[in-house]
Amino acid sequence: MPVLVITGTGTEVGKTVTTAAVAAAALAAGRSVAVLKAAQTGVRPDEPGDAEEVVRLA
């Protein structure tokens, strides 16, 4: 199973959108996809985080 890591050096540089696009392309190609956000800061418990945004976009 291949693993793809998407990383960036700052906030608001497009990591979440890129992750969603790659996930959507993999799903469209019939691949199995799992997205893991190892850590996230600055989001309250009642707010959606980046993982939820990836699901919404993909």
PDB file of N, CA and C in Angstrom:
ATOM      1  N   MET A   1       0.852  -1.166   0.000  1.00  0.00           N
ATOM      2  CA  MET A   1       0.000   0.000   0.000  1.00  0.00           C
ATOM      3  C   MET A   1       0.903   1.237   0.000  1.00  0.00           C
ATOM      4  N   PRO A   2       0.836   2.060  -1.033  1.00  0.00           N
ATOM      5  CA  PRO A   2       1.642   3.278  -1.069  1.00  0.00           C
ATOM      6  C   PRO A   2       1.130   4.322  -0.076  1.00  0.00           C
ATOM      7  N   VAL A   3       2.038   5.101   0.429  1.00  0.00           N
ATOM      8  CA  VAL A   3       1.710   6.192   1.349  1.00  0.00           C
ATOM      9  C   VAL A   3       2.194   7.486   0.713  1.00  0.00           C
ATOM     10  N   LEU A   4       1.325   8.486   0.691  1.00  0.00           N
ATOM     11  CA  LEU A   4       1.671   9.801   0.161  1.00  0.00           C
ATOM     12  C   LEU A   4       1.555  10.799   1.299  1.00  0.00           C
ATOM     13  N   VAL A   5       2.603  11.575   1.511  1.00  0.00           N
ATOM     14  CA  VAL A   5       2.605  12.583   2.566  1.00  0.00           C
ATOM     15  C   VAL A   5       2.577  13.955   1.909  1.00  0.00           C
ATOM     16  N   ILE A   6       1.612  14.770   2.301  1.00  0.00           N
ATOM     17  CA  ILE A   6       1.514  16.139   1.800  1.00  0.00           C
ATOM     18  C   ILE A   6       1.862  17.055   2.961  1.00  0.00           C
ATOM     19  N   THR A   7       2.841  17.902   2.753  1.00  0.00           N
ATOM     20  CA  THR A   7       3.304  18.786   3.817  1.00  0.00           C
ATOM     21  C   THR A   7       3.574  20.172   3.255  1.00  0.00           C
ATOM     22  N   GLY A   8       3.650  21.137   4.122  1.00  0.00           N
ATOM     23  CA  GLY A   8       3.942  22.509   3.724  1.00  0.00           C
ATOM     24  C   GLY A   8       4.579  23.250   4.873  1.00  0.00           C
ATOM     25  N   THR A   9       5.122  24.397   4.572  1.00  0.00           N
ATOM     26  CA  THR A   9       5.881  25.135   5.586  1.00  0.00           C
ATOM     27  C   THR A   9       5.096  26.244   6.259  1.00  0.00           C
ATOM     28  N   GLY A  10       3.830  26.384   5.942  1.00  0.00           N
ATOM     29  CA  GLY A  10       3.064  27.464   6.557  1.00  0.00           C
ATOM     30  C   GLY A  10       1.578  27.173   6.511  1.00  0.00           C
ATOM     31  N   THR A  11       0.813  28.096   7.085  1.00  0.00           N
ATOM     32  CA  THR A  11      -0.636  27.967   7.045  1.00  0.00           C
ATOM     33  C   THR A  11      -1.168  28.611   5.768  1.00  0.00           C
ATOM     34  N   GLU A  12      -2.349  28.155   5.371  1.00  0.00           N
ATOM     35  CA  GLU A  12      -3.023  28.729   4.197  1.00  0.00           C
ATOM     36  C   GLU A  12      -2.194  28.634   2.920  1.00  0.00           C
ATOM     37  N   VAL A  13      -1.445  27.522   2.760  1.00  0.00           N
ATOM     38  CA  VAL A  13      -0.661  27.341   1.541  1.00  0.00           C
ATOM     39  C   VAL A  13      -1.269  26.302   0.597  1.00  0.00           C
ATOM     40  N   GLY A  14      -2.402  25.702   1.010  1.00  0.00           N
ATOM     41  CA  GLY A  14      -3.106  24.796   0.114  1.00  0.00           C
ATOM     42  C   GLY A  14      -2.962  23.320   0.419  1.00  0.00           C
ATOM     43  N   LYS A  15      -2.446  22.958   1.568  1.00  0.00           N
ATOM     44  CA  LYS A  15      -2.258  21.545   1.900  1.00  0.00           C
ATOM     45  C   LYS A  15      -3.579  20.784   1.950  1.00  0.00           C
ATOM     46  N   THR A  16      -4.588  21.380   2.568  1.00  0.00           N
ATOM     47  CA  THR A  16      -5.876  20.704   2.699  1.00  0.00           C
ATOM     48  C   THR A  16      -6.541  20.530   1.344  1.00  0.00           C
ATOM     49  N   VAL A  17      -6.529  21.552   0.532  1.00  0.00           N
ATOM     50  CA  VAL A  17      -7.141  21.474  -0.802  1.00  0.00           C
ATOM     51  C   VAL A  17      -6.382  20.473  -1.675  1.00  0.00           C
ATOM     52  N   THR A  18      -5.064  20.481  -1.589  1.00  0.00           N
ATOM     53  CA  THR A  18      -4.255  19.522  -2.349  1.00  0.00           C
ATOM     54  C   THR A  18      -4.553  18.098  -1.899  1.00  0.00           C
ATOM     55  N   THR A  19      -4.641  17.890  -0.601  1.00  0.00           N
ATOM     56  CA  THR A  19      -4.968  16.567  -0.071  1.00  0.00           C
ATOM     57  C   THR A  19      -6.315  16.104  -0.593  1.00  0.00           C
ATOM     58  N   ALA A  20      -7.303  16.984  -0.586  1.00  0.00           N
ATOM     59  CA  ALA A  20      -8.636  16.632  -1.083  1.00  0.00           C
ATOM     60  C   ALA A  20      -8.594  16.283  -2.563  1.00  0.00           C
ATOM     61  N   ALA A  21      -7.848  17.041  -3.343  1.00  0.00           N
ATOM     62  CA  ALA A  21      -7.757  16.774  -4.789  1.00  0.00           C
ATOM     63  C   ALA A  21      -7.095  15.431  -5.058  1.00  0.00           C
ATOM     64  N   VAL A  22      -6.033  15.129  -4.349  1.00  0.00           N
ATOM     65  CA  VAL A  22      -5.341  13.848  -4.522  1.00  0.00           C
ATOM     66  C   VAL A  22      -6.250  12.700  -4.082  1.00  0.00           C
ATOM     67  N   ALA A  23      -6.947  12.877  -2.962  1.00  0.00           N
ATOM     68  CA  ALA A  23      -7.867  11.844  -2.483  1.00  0.00           C
ATOM     69  C   ALA A  23      -8.991  11.612  -3.486  1.00  0.00           C
ATOM     70  N   ALA A  24      -9.557  12.688  -4.022  1.00  0.00           N
ATOM     71  CA  ALA A  24     -10.639  12.552  -5.002  1.00  0.00           C
ATOM     72  C   ALA A  24     -10.156  11.841  -6.259  1.00  0.00           C
ATOM     73  N   ALA A  25      -8.960  12.167  -6.716  1.00  0.00           N
ATOM     74  CA  ALA A  25      -8.415  11.508  -7.909  1.00  0.00           C
ATOM     75  C   ALA A  25      -8.177  10.025  -7.650  1.00  0.00           C
ATOM     76  N   ALA A  26      -7.675   9.695  -6.480  1.00  0.00           N
ATOM     77  CA  ALA A  26      -7.438   8.292  -6.135  1.00  0.00           C
ATOM     78  C   ALA A  26      -8.756   7.528  -6.043  1.00  0.00           C
ATOM     79  N   LEU A  27      -9.756   8.136  -5.427  1.00  0.00           N
ATOM     80  CA  LEU A  27     -11.074   7.499  -5.341  1.00  0.00           C
ATOM     81  C   LEU A  27     -11.667   7.277  -6.721  1.00  0.00           C
ATOM     82  N   ALA A  28     -11.528   8.281  -7.589  1.00  0.00           N
ATOM     83  CA  ALA A  28     -12.056   8.163  -8.950  1.00  0.00           C
ATOM     84  C   ALA A  28     -11.362   7.050  -9.731  1.00  0.00           C
ATOM     85  N   ALA A  29     -10.115   6.763  -9.363  1.00  0.00           N
ATOM     86  CA  ALA A  29      -9.361   5.695 -10.020  1.00  0.00           C
ATOM     87  C   ALA A  29      -9.621   4.340  -9.370  1.00  0.00           C
ATOM     88  N   GLY A  30     -10.543   4.304  -8.402  1.00  0.00           N
ATOM     89  CA  GLY A  30     -10.892   3.045  -7.768  1.00  0.00           C
ATOM     90  C   GLY A  30      -9.986   2.639  -6.626  1.00  0.00           C
ATOM     91  N   ARG A  31      -9.171   3.549  -6.151  1.00  0.00           N
ATOM     92  CA  ARG A  31      -8.249   3.248  -5.048  1.00  0.00           C
ATOM     93  C   ARG A  31      -8.958   3.403  -3.705  1.00  0.00           C
ATOM     94  N   SER A  32      -8.427   2.742  -2.710  1.00  0.00           N
ATOM     95  CA  SER A  32      -8.885   2.909  -1.343  1.00  0.00           C
ATOM     96  C   SER A  32      -8.098   4.062  -0.733  1.00  0.00           C
ATOM     97  N   VAL A  33      -8.789   4.952  -0.024  1.00  0.00           N
ATOM     98  CA  VAL A  33      -8.137   6.163   0.488  1.00  0.00           C
ATOM     99  C   VAL A  33      -8.404   6.311   1.982  1.00  0.00           C
ATOM    100  N   ALA A  34      -7.369   6.674   2.708  1.00  0.00           N
ATOM    101  CA  ALA A  34      -7.498   7.050   4.117  1.00  0.00           C
ATOM    102  C   ALA A  34      -6.691   8.324   4.309  1.00  0.00           C
ATOM    103  N   VAL A  35      -7.276   9.295   4.965  1.00  0.00           N
ATOM    104  CA  VAL A  35      -6.590  10.565   5.226  1.00  0.00           C
ATOM    105  C   VAL A  35      -6.379  10.686   6.725  1.00  0.00           C
ATOM    106  N   LEU A  36      -5.171  11.030   7.117  1.00  0.00           N
ATOM    107  CA  LEU A  36      -4.847  11.190   8.529  1.00  0.00           C
ATOM    108  C   LEU A  36      -4.269  12.578   8.757  1.00  0.00           C
ATOM    109  N   LYS A  37      -4.863  13.306   9.652  1.00  0.00           N
ATOM    110  CA  LYS A  37      -4.318  14.597  10.092  1.00  0.00           C
ATOM    111  C   LYS A  37      -3.719  14.318  11.461  1.00  0.00           C
ATOM    112  N   ALA A  38      -2.413  14.214  11.523  1.00  0.00           N
ATOM    113  CA  ALA A  38      -1.740  13.774  12.749  1.00  0.00           C
ATOM    114  C   ALA A  38      -1.898  14.770  13.894  1.00  0.00           C
ATOM    115  N   ALA A  39      -1.897  16.045  13.581  1.00  0.00           N
ATOM    116  CA  ALA A  39      -2.051  17.070  14.620  1.00  0.00           C
ATOM    117  C   ALA A  39      -2.645  18.312  13.994  1.00  0.00           C
ATOM    118  N   GLN A  40      -3.464  18.991  14.780  1.00  0.00           N
ATOM    119  CA  GLN A  40      -4.052  20.245  14.318  1.00  0.00           C
ATOM    120  C   GLN A  40      -4.227  21.159  15.518  1.00  0.00           C
ATOM    121  N   THR A  41      -3.850  22.411  15.344  1.00  0.00           N
ATOM    122  CA  THR A  41      -3.997  23.379  16.427  1.00  0.00           C
ATOM    123  C   THR A  41      -4.903  24.510  15.972  1.00  0.00           C
ATOM    124  N   GLY A  42      -5.406  25.267  16.937  1.00  0.00           N
ATOM    125  CA  GLY A  42      -6.196  26.445  16.618  1.00  0.00           C
ATOM    126  C   GLY A  42      -7.642  26.183  16.288  1.00  0.00           C
ATOM    127  N   VAL A  43      -8.130  24.973  16.555  1.00  0.00           N
ATOM    128  CA  VAL A  43      -9.525  24.640  16.264  1.00  0.00           C
ATOM    129  C   VAL A  43     -10.187  24.208  17.569  1.00  0.00           C
ATOM    130  N   ARG A  44     -11.308  24.831  17.877  1.00  0.00           N
ATOM    131  CA  ARG A  44     -12.058  24.454  19.075  1.00  0.00           C
ATOM    132  C   ARG A  44     -12.717  23.089  18.865  1.00  0.00           C
ATOM    133  N   PRO A  45     -13.038  22.386  19.949  1.00  0.00           N
ATOM    134  CA  PRO A  45     -13.651  21.054  19.819  1.00  0.00           C
ATOM    135  C   PRO A  45     -14.960  21.050  19.025  1.00  0.00           C
ATOM    136  N   ASP A  46     -15.698  22.158  19.022  1.00  0.00           N
ATOM    137  CA  ASP A  46     -16.970  22.201  18.296  1.00  0.00           C
ATOM    138  C   ASP A  46     -16.817  22.654  16.849  1.00  0.00           C
ATOM    139  N   GLU A  47     -15.604  22.966  16.407  1.00  0.00           N
ATOM    140  CA  GLU A  47     -15.355  23.410  15.032  1.00  0.00           C
ATOM    141  C   GLU A  47     -14.874  22.245  14.171  1.00  0.00           C
ATOM    142  N   PRO A  48     -15.285  22.228  12.896  1.00  0.00           N
ATOM    143  CA  PRO A  48     -14.744  21.199  12.001  1.00  0.00           C
ATOM    144  C   PRO A  48     -13.274  21.496  11.719  1.00  0.00           C
ATOM    145  N   GLY A  49     -12.504  20.465  11.559  1.00  0.00           N
ATOM    146  CA  GLY A  49     -11.082  20.631  11.272  1.00  0.00           C
ATOM    147  C   GLY A  49     -10.767  20.311   9.827  1.00  0.00           C
ATOM    148  N   ASP A  50      -9.491  20.206   9.542  1.00  0.00           N
ATOM    149  CA  ASP A  50      -9.041  19.957   8.171  1.00  0.00           C
ATOM    150  C   ASP A  50      -9.507  18.602   7.635  1.00  0.00           C
ATOM    151  N   ALA A  51      -9.545  17.569   8.481  1.00  0.00           N
ATOM    152  CA  ALA A  51      -9.978  16.258   8.003  1.00  0.00           C
ATOM    153  C   ALA A  51     -11.420  16.318   7.495  1.00  0.00           C
ATOM    154  N   GLU A  52     -12.266  17.024   8.191  1.00  0.00           N
ATOM    155  CA  GLU A  52     -13.653  17.191   7.745  1.00  0.00           C
ATOM    156  C   GLU A  52     -13.722  17.977   6.439  1.00  0.00           C
ATOM    157  N   GLU A  53     -12.839  18.940   6.286  1.00  0.00           N
ATOM    158  CA  GLU A  53     -12.793  19.722   5.046  1.00  0.00           C
ATOM    159  C   GLU A  53     -12.350  18.859   3.870  1.00  0.00           C
ATOM    160  N   VAL A  54     -11.403  17.974   4.091  1.00  0.00           N
ATOM    161  CA  VAL A  54     -10.971  17.055   3.032  1.00  0.00           C
ATOM    162  C   VAL A  54     -12.142  16.180   2.594  1.00  0.00           C
ATOM    163  N   VAL A  55     -12.893  15.656   3.551  1.00  0.00           N
ATOM    164  CA  VAL A  55     -14.058  14.819   3.219  1.00  0.00           C
ATOM    165  C   VAL A  55     -15.055  15.627   2.399  1.00  0.00           C
ATOM    166  N   ARG A  56     -15.307  16.864   2.824  1.00  0.00           N
ATOM    167  CA  ARG A  56     -16.270  17.709   2.113  1.00  0.00           C
ATOM    168  C   ARG A  56     -15.805  17.982   0.675  1.00  0.00           C
ATOM    169  N   LEU A  57     -14.535  18.285   0.500  1.00  0.00           N
ATOM    170  CA  LEU A  57     -14.020  18.624  -0.826  1.00  0.00           C
ATOM    171  C   LEU A  57     -13.858  17.417  -1.722  1.00  0.00           C
ATOM    172  N   ALA A  58     -13.472  16.306  -1.152  1.00  0.00           N
ATOM    173  CA  ALA A  58     -13.206  15.094  -1.967  1.00  0.00           C
ATOM    174  C   ALA A  58     -14.520  14.435  -2.350  1.00  0.00           C
TER     175      ALA A  58
END
